[in-house]
Amino acid sequence: MRVRFTRRLAGFVPLLLLSLGCGSSSSGGTPASSPPPAQPSYDLRLASTPWVPFTGDEKQPRVALYLVESALERAGYAATTSIVPDGALTGLLRDGKFDGSAALWTAEDRETFLLYSKPYLENRLVLVGRKGSDVSAGSLKELGGKRIGVVEGYAYGKQLDEARELSLVRGKSSEDNLRALAAGQVDYILLDALLVEYLFEQQPKRAIESLEVGKTPLIKRTLHFGVRKALPNAQQIIDRFNNVLASMMRDGSYHLALQVSWITADVDGDGRDELVGVGPAVGAAPPSRSYQLFEEAALAPPPAQQPGARPPGTSQVGSNGPTEQRRYYVGGRVYESWSEVPESFKIQPGANTTGGGHATVKLLEW
């Protein structure tokens, strides 16, 4: 059984809006090139357990499924995903009922019959407290005696199961836990970093005034696409999938899938992160936040060519805000500071938005 941070967040993401398209208008520049989608050469039958907003039915937020299926289409494969009951996935894959899965954590019981892709996302469980709270804990053991809100029925893994000194308060949903936090019924809650990003993107004033978010993930797992080893050309499928990930980070496909405005990732393959906007038109002001795909850079291969590439900077910006220096990837090249980004790329806020292709995650007021 795949251990997961979240299952159906029915209370946390109840309002689903279907977007019409990704408005990535170009203003005075040419976006980074990416390979055209190849004609599908194989129909892949994939399966996942329900895990909103990462996996879910067609009308639910399903950011991992959308990202993987888009990458596979670009790599030359058609893919459809069936949602199967919790606890059934491993057996169905082992028995050949499905070809693979779009959203997997690595597990010893699957390595004998599955090939995994490079990680394309990272699930990071972070500490969230009320404004002014001390969220500097670097491990669960440092929270002894504190009331920690978790979701009832979620399998958080050995790290949480073995932290006997914690006082766990189990709520019905992440939304309920947020309300319990606001009411002082718990001291902290554990929340996936992507869901934290949605809070700060969609309810910035409320989130900034109400929440304190830890910078150190207390639980972390990488997310992978996997196929059965017995599948014809299994290694080729994985290789092609891996090869398109870097271009998707550069051209806005990751933003479209995750429904965030900015990501932080190593898109030029130099081992250091850049801030990447959703399109060549990046806005009139630098972003205050950027969702960091991975804590460590250098998971993406370098692009085929990098026109006007400059020496790398020294630091990055993650989902918790800026550090010393920001580097930006705009219009196919790296800029060492916001002031170096050409004015032709800077448009007024609201002219360029994410969305389209799958259900958008929206949150109720909490």
Protein backbone atom coordinates (compact mmCIF):
# COMPACT_ATOMS: atom_id res chain seq x y z
CA MET A 1 0.00 0.00 0.00
CA ARG A 2 1.35 3.39 -0.94
CA VAL A 3 1.73 5.61 2.05
CA ARG A 4 0.30 9.02 1.35
CA PHE A 5 -0.06 12.35 3.07
CA THR A 6 -3.57 13.07 1.88
CA ARG A 7 -6.62 11.27 0.67
CA ARG A 8 -9.85 12.97 -0.45
CA LEU A 9 -9.75 16.54 0.86
CA ALA A 10 -13.50 16.93 0.41
CA GLY A 11 -13.77 19.78 2.86
CA PHE A 12 -10.53 21.46 1.87
CA VAL A 13 -11.04 21.67 -1.89
CA PRO A 14 -14.79 21.56 -2.42
CA LEU A 15 -15.20 24.20 -5.13
CA LEU A 16 -14.01 22.99 -8.52
CA LEU A 17 -13.91 25.38 -11.47
CA LEU A 18 -13.03 24.22 -14.97
CA SER A 19 -10.68 26.74 -16.58
CA LEU A 20 -10.79 27.45 -20.30
CA GLY A 21 -7.14 27.95 -21.15
CA CYS A 22 -3.71 29.11 -20.08
CA GLY A 23 -3.38 32.81 -20.93
CA SER A 24 0.33 33.01 -21.59
CA SER A 25 0.45 36.03 -23.85
CA SER A 26 3.77 37.01 -25.30
CA SER A 27 5.00 40.54 -24.99
CA GLY A 28 8.18 41.44 -26.76
CA GLY A 29 9.97 38.10 -26.50
CA THR A 30 10.08 34.51 -27.62
CA PRO A 31 9.40 31.80 -25.05
CA ALA A 32 11.73 28.90 -24.56
CA SER A 33 11.23 26.31 -27.27
CA SER A 34 9.92 22.86 -26.42
CA PRO A 35 9.53 19.77 -28.57
CA PRO A 36 6.15 19.33 -30.30
CA PRO A 37 3.97 16.51 -29.02
CA ALA A 38 4.69 13.22 -30.73
CA GLN A 39 1.91 11.08 -32.15
CA PRO A 40 0.85 8.49 -29.56
CA SER A 41 2.56 5.18 -30.23
CA TYR A 42 1.13 3.21 -27.31
CA ASP A 43 -1.99 3.46 -25.15
CA LEU A 44 -1.04 3.19 -21.47
CA ARG A 45 -3.60 1.98 -18.94
CA LEU A 46 -2.70 3.64 -15.64
CA ALA A 47 -4.23 3.41 -12.19
CA SER A 48 -4.05 5.53 -9.03
CA THR A 49 -5.75 5.62 -5.66
CA PRO A 50 -7.84 8.73 -4.78
CA TRP A 51 -5.54 11.46 -3.49
CA VAL A 52 -6.99 14.93 -4.13
CA PRO A 53 -5.49 17.28 -5.29
CA PHE A 54 -2.78 15.02 -6.75
CA THR A 55 -5.03 12.31 -8.18
CA GLY A 56 -8.79 12.09 -8.58
CA ASP A 57 -11.68 11.71 -10.98
CA GLU A 58 -11.99 13.83 -14.13
CA LYS A 59 -13.92 16.64 -12.44
CA GLN A 60 -11.67 16.79 -9.39
CA PRO A 61 -8.31 18.51 -8.92
CA ARG A 62 -5.72 15.96 -10.16
CA VAL A 63 -2.49 17.86 -10.64
CA ALA A 64 -0.19 14.82 -10.73
CA LEU A 65 -2.34 12.96 -13.26
CA TYR A 66 -2.63 16.00 -15.50
CA LEU A 67 1.12 16.61 -15.40
CA VAL A 68 2.07 13.00 -16.13
CA GLU A 69 -0.51 12.48 -18.87
CA SER A 70 0.61 15.73 -20.53
CA ALA A 71 4.25 14.61 -20.38
CA LEU A 72 3.41 11.21 -21.82
CA GLU A 73 1.47 12.78 -24.68
CA ARG A 74 4.48 14.94 -25.47
CA ALA A 75 6.68 11.83 -25.29
CA GLY A 76 4.45 10.01 -27.75
CA TYR A 77 2.10 7.97 -25.57
CA ALA A 78 -1.60 8.18 -24.87
CA ALA A 79 -2.59 7.47 -21.27
CA THR A 80 -5.80 7.10 -19.32
CA THR A 81 -6.03 6.70 -15.55
CA SER A 82 -8.56 4.70 -13.55
CA ILE A 83 -9.10 5.48 -9.88
CA VAL A 84 -8.97 2.30 -7.78
CA PRO A 85 -9.75 1.73 -4.08
CA ASP A 86 -7.17 2.36 -1.38
CA GLY A 87 -4.99 -0.67 -0.81
CA ALA A 88 -5.69 -2.23 -4.21
CA LEU A 89 -3.10 -0.52 -6.41
CA THR A 90 -0.01 -2.65 -5.75
CA GLY A 91 -1.80 -5.93 -6.36
CA LEU A 92 -3.45 -4.68 -9.55
CA LEU A 93 -0.09 -3.52 -10.94
CA ARG A 94 1.69 -6.74 -9.95
CA ASP A 95 -1.04 -8.84 -11.60
CA GLY A 96 -0.83 -6.88 -14.85
CA LYS A 97 -4.32 -5.39 -14.65
CA PHE A 98 -2.78 -1.99 -15.40
CA ASP A 99 0.42 -0.86 -17.12
CA GLY A 100 1.55 1.52 -14.41
CA SER A 101 0.68 4.50 -12.26
CA ALA A 102 1.20 8.24 -12.57
CA ALA A 103 1.70 8.96 -8.86
CA LEU A 104 3.90 6.60 -6.88
CA TRP A 105 6.29 6.76 -4.00
CA THR A 106 9.14 4.28 -4.23
CA ALA A 107 8.55 1.13 -2.21
CA GLU A 108 10.51 -2.10 -1.81
CA ASP A 109 7.50 -4.31 -2.54
CA ARG A 110 7.13 -2.72 -5.98
CA GLU A 111 10.72 -2.46 -7.13
CA THR A 112 10.74 -6.09 -8.29
CA PHE A 113 8.13 -5.44 -10.98
CA LEU A 114 8.10 -1.66 -11.60
CA LEU A 115 10.41 0.84 -13.30
CA TYR A 116 10.32 4.35 -11.82
CA SER A 117 10.84 7.67 -13.55
CA LYS A 118 12.92 10.49 -12.18
CA PRO A 119 10.97 12.38 -9.50
CA TYR A 120 8.66 14.99 -10.99
CA LEU A 121 7.26 16.34 -7.72
CA GLU A 122 8.13 16.24 -4.06
CA ASN A 123 5.58 15.81 -1.28
CA ARG A 124 6.73 17.86 1.68
CA LEU A 125 4.79 17.93 4.94
CA VAL A 126 5.45 21.19 6.75
CA LEU A 127 4.54 22.59 10.15
CA VAL A 128 1.82 25.28 10.13
CA GLY A 129 0.95 27.36 13.18
CA ARG A 130 -0.90 30.52 14.06
CA LYS A 131 0.80 33.81 13.25
CA GLY A 132 3.71 34.38 15.60
CA SER A 133 4.13 30.70 16.46
CA ASP A 134 7.58 29.14 16.57
CA VAL A 135 7.66 26.87 13.48
CA SER A 136 11.42 26.33 13.48
CA ALA A 137 11.26 22.65 14.49
CA GLY A 138 13.53 20.56 12.30
CA SER A 139 12.06 17.21 13.30
CA LEU A 140 8.90 15.75 14.78
CA LYS A 141 10.78 14.89 18.00
CA GLU A 142 11.14 18.61 18.74
CA LEU A 143 7.35 18.93 19.05
CA GLY A 144 6.95 16.78 22.16
CA GLY A 145 3.97 17.87 24.26
CA LYS A 146 2.44 19.96 21.48
CA ARG A 147 -1.01 19.24 20.07
CA ILE A 148 -0.48 18.44 16.37
CA GLY A 149 -3.45 18.36 14.00
CA VAL A 150 -3.38 15.53 11.47
CA VAL A 151 -6.11 14.09 9.27
CA GLU A 152 -7.87 10.98 10.53
CA GLY A 153 -7.10 7.92 8.43
CA TYR A 154 -4.10 9.36 6.60
CA ALA A 155 -1.00 7.16 6.52
CA TYR A 156 1.79 9.62 7.27
CA GLY A 157 4.53 7.01 7.52
CA LYS A 158 6.98 5.65 10.07
CA GLN A 159 8.31 9.04 11.11
CA LEU A 160 4.95 10.06 12.53
CA ASP A 161 3.95 6.58 13.72
CA GLU A 162 7.14 6.28 15.76
CA ALA A 163 6.97 9.79 17.27
CA ARG A 164 5.37 8.60 20.51
CA GLU A 165 6.00 11.87 22.30
CA LEU A 166 3.55 13.77 20.07
CA SER A 167 -0.03 14.54 21.06
CA LEU A 168 -1.93 13.94 17.82
CA VAL A 169 -5.37 15.46 17.28
CA ARG A 170 -7.12 13.81 14.33
CA GLY A 171 -9.51 15.93 12.28
CA LYS A 172 -11.81 14.93 9.43
CA SER A 173 -10.04 17.07 6.80
CA SER A 174 -7.28 19.59 6.31
CA GLU A 175 -9.90 22.34 6.28
CA ASP A 176 -11.19 21.18 9.68
CA ASN A 177 -7.63 21.19 10.96
CA LEU A 178 -7.12 24.76 9.75
CA ARG A 179 -10.24 25.80 11.62
CA ALA A 180 -9.07 23.95 14.73
CA LEU A 181 -5.76 25.79 14.49
CA ALA A 182 -7.50 29.15 14.19
CA ALA A 183 -9.66 28.31 17.21
CA GLY A 184 -6.66 27.33 19.33
CA GLN A 185 -7.77 23.71 19.62
CA VAL A 186 -4.37 22.54 18.33
CA ASP A 187 -0.93 24.13 18.47
CA TYR A 188 0.13 23.14 14.95
CA ILE A 189 -1.06 21.19 11.93
CA LEU A 190 0.84 19.23 9.30
CA LEU A 191 0.08 20.24 5.72
CA ASP A 192 1.53 19.41 2.31
CA ALA A 193 3.60 22.30 0.90
CA LEU A 194 1.54 22.45 -2.30
CA LEU A 195 -1.64 22.97 -0.30
CA VAL A 196 0.15 25.70 1.66
CA GLU A 197 1.01 27.31 -1.66
CA TYR A 198 -2.63 27.27 -2.71
CA LEU A 199 -3.57 29.05 0.53
CA PHE A 200 -1.03 31.82 -0.07
CA GLU A 201 -1.86 32.15 -3.77
CA GLN A 202 -5.63 32.15 -3.45
CA GLN A 203 -6.13 33.75 -0.02
CA PRO A 204 -2.92 35.75 0.42
CA LYS A 205 -4.23 38.36 2.87
CA ARG A 206 -5.84 35.83 5.19
CA ALA A 207 -2.89 33.45 5.00
CA ILE A 208 -0.26 36.11 5.63
CA GLU A 209 -2.17 37.56 8.59
CA SER A 210 -3.13 34.22 10.15
CA LEU A 211 -0.46 31.60 9.47
CA GLU A 212 3.16 30.87 10.22
CA VAL A 213 4.72 28.16 8.02
CA GLY A 214 7.83 26.17 8.79
CA LYS A 215 10.67 26.13 6.29
CA THR A 216 11.91 22.61 7.09
CA PRO A 217 9.80 19.71 5.81
CA LEU A 218 9.17 17.24 8.62
CA ILE A 219 8.28 14.44 6.19
CA LYS A 220 9.41 14.32 2.57
CA ARG A 221 8.89 11.86 -0.29
CA THR A 222 9.48 12.16 -4.03
CA LEU A 223 6.68 11.38 -6.46
CA HIS A 224 7.29 9.23 -9.55
CA PHE A 225 5.64 7.82 -12.68
CA GLY A 226 6.07 4.05 -12.89
CA VAL A 227 5.40 1.26 -15.40
CA ARG A 228 5.58 -2.52 -15.16
CA LYS A 229 8.93 -3.99 -16.19
CA ALA A 230 7.10 -6.62 -18.24
CA LEU A 231 5.52 -3.95 -20.44
CA PRO A 232 6.99 -3.87 -23.99
CA ASN A 233 9.53 -1.01 -24.26
CA ALA A 234 9.10 -0.17 -20.57
CA GLN A 235 12.54 1.43 -20.28
CA GLN A 236 11.96 3.48 -23.42
CA ILE A 237 8.69 4.81 -22.00
CA ILE A 238 10.44 5.88 -18.80
CA ASP A 239 13.35 7.44 -20.72
CA ARG A 240 11.07 9.44 -22.98
CA PHE A 241 9.06 10.64 -20.01
CA ASN A 242 12.22 11.76 -18.20
CA ASN A 243 13.45 13.60 -21.28
CA VAL A 244 10.42 15.87 -21.57
CA LEU A 245 10.31 16.96 -17.92
CA ALA A 246 12.91 19.71 -18.29
CA SER A 247 11.15 21.35 -21.23
CA MET A 248 7.86 21.29 -19.30
CA MET A 249 9.49 23.13 -16.41
CA ARG A 250 10.68 25.81 -18.83
CA ASP A 251 7.59 26.34 -20.97
CA GLY A 252 4.88 26.73 -18.34
CA SER A 253 3.46 23.19 -18.44
CA TYR A 254 4.31 22.60 -14.77
CA HIS A 255 2.55 25.81 -13.80
CA LEU A 256 -0.52 24.78 -15.77
CA ALA A 257 -0.63 21.39 -14.09
CA LEU A 258 0.05 22.62 -10.56
CA GLN A 259 -1.98 25.83 -11.04
CA VAL A 260 0.64 28.11 -9.55
CA SER A 261 2.06 31.32 -10.98
CA TRP A 262 5.76 30.70 -10.31
CA ILE A 263 7.90 27.63 -9.72
CA THR A 264 11.45 27.32 -8.47
CA ALA A 265 13.51 24.66 -10.24
CA ASP A 266 16.87 24.05 -11.88
CA VAL A 267 15.85 24.53 -15.51
CA ASP A 268 19.29 25.11 -17.05
CA GLY A 269 20.98 22.09 -15.48
CA ASP A 270 23.68 23.98 -13.58
CA GLY A 271 22.73 22.59 -10.17
CA ARG A 272 21.14 25.86 -9.01
CA ASP A 273 17.52 26.94 -9.01
CA GLU A 274 15.81 29.63 -11.04
CA LEU A 275 12.42 31.27 -10.63
CA VAL A 276 10.28 30.43 -13.65
CA GLY A 277 7.07 32.29 -14.51
CA VAL A 278 4.10 30.76 -16.27
CA GLY A 279 4.96 32.36 -19.61
CA PRO A 280 7.21 34.89 -21.31
CA ALA A 281 5.10 37.72 -19.87
CA VAL A 282 5.97 37.59 -16.17
CA GLY A 283 4.26 40.58 -14.56
CA ALA A 284 5.13 44.11 -13.56
CA ALA A 285 6.78 43.18 -10.25
CA PRO A 286 8.90 40.27 -9.03
CA PRO A 287 6.96 37.49 -7.32
CA SER A 288 6.74 37.40 -3.54
CA ARG A 289 6.38 33.59 -3.58
CA SER A 290 7.41 30.70 -5.80
CA TYR A 291 6.52 27.04 -5.38
CA GLN A 292 9.74 25.03 -5.07
CA LEU A 293 9.46 21.74 -6.93
CA PHE A 294 12.34 20.10 -5.04
CA GLU A 295 14.36 21.05 -2.00
CA GLU A 296 17.50 20.17 -3.90
CA ALA A 297 18.15 21.41 -7.43
CA ALA A 298 19.60 19.60 -10.43
CA LEU A 299 16.85 17.07 -11.10
CA ALA A 300 16.28 18.37 -14.62
CA PRO A 301 18.77 17.85 -17.49
CA PRO A 302 20.11 20.97 -19.21
CA PRO A 303 18.24 22.29 -22.27
CA ALA A 304 19.61 21.64 -25.75
CA GLN A 305 20.77 25.23 -25.94
CA GLN A 306 20.60 28.22 -23.68
CA PRO A 307 20.82 31.48 -25.67
CA GLY A 308 22.51 34.23 -23.74
CA ALA A 309 23.14 32.09 -20.69
CA ARG A 310 24.84 33.87 -17.81
CA PRO A 311 26.92 32.62 -14.89
CA PRO A 312 24.72 31.15 -12.14
CA GLY A 313 23.82 33.04 -8.99
CA THR A 314 24.25 31.85 -5.47
CA SER A 315 20.82 31.35 -3.95
CA GLN A 316 17.21 30.64 -4.68
CA VAL A 317 13.67 31.51 -3.67
CA GLY A 318 11.36 28.76 -2.46
CA SER A 319 7.74 28.69 -1.40
CA ASN A 320 8.59 30.40 1.88
CA GLY A 321 9.97 33.56 0.33
CA PRO A 322 13.24 35.11 -0.85
CA THR A 323 16.75 34.54 0.43
CA GLU A 324 19.70 36.67 -0.67
CA GLN A 325 19.51 36.69 -4.45
CA ARG A 326 16.99 35.68 -7.08
CA ARG A 327 17.65 34.31 -10.54
CA TYR A 328 14.94 34.29 -13.19
CA TYR A 329 14.37 32.14 -16.24
CA VAL A 330 12.42 34.24 -18.74
CA GLY A 331 12.04 33.94 -22.49
CA GLY A 332 14.57 31.13 -22.78
CA ARG A 333 17.45 32.56 -20.76
CA VAL A 334 18.61 33.17 -17.20
CA TYR A 335 18.75 36.65 -15.66
CA GLU A 336 20.69 37.31 -12.48
CA SER A 337 18.21 39.82 -11.07
CA TRP A 338 14.75 41.23 -11.73
CA SER A 339 16.25 44.47 -13.00
CA GLU A 340 18.00 42.55 -15.79
CA VAL A 341 14.73 41.07 -17.08
CA PRO A 342 13.77 43.12 -20.17
CA GLU A 343 10.84 45.47 -19.74
CA SER A 344 9.16 43.86 -22.74
CA PHE A 345 8.47 40.81 -20.58
CA LYS A 346 6.93 42.80 -17.73
CA ILE A 347 3.18 43.18 -18.09
CA GLN A 348 0.54 44.45 -15.71
CA PRO A 349 -0.85 42.04 -13.11
CA GLY A 350 -3.83 40.04 -14.29
CA ALA A 351 -2.78 39.89 -17.94
CA ASN A 352 -1.27 36.45 -17.57
CA THR A 353 -2.88 33.71 -15.48
CA THR A 354 -2.64 30.01 -14.89
CA GLY A 355 -5.47 27.62 -15.56
CA GLY A 356 -6.99 25.32 -18.09
CA GLY A 357 -7.03 21.65 -18.87
CA HIS A 358 -8.24 20.27 -15.55
CA ALA A 359 -10.18 21.19 -12.46
CA THR A 360 -8.73 24.15 -10.62
CA VAL A 361 -8.13 23.86 -6.89
CA LYS A 362 -10.13 26.46 -5.01
CA LEU A 363 -10.38 26.77 -1.24
CA LEU A 364 -13.22 27.81 1.05
CA GLU A 365 -12.63 30.53 3.59
CA TRP A 366 -11.45 28.94 6.81
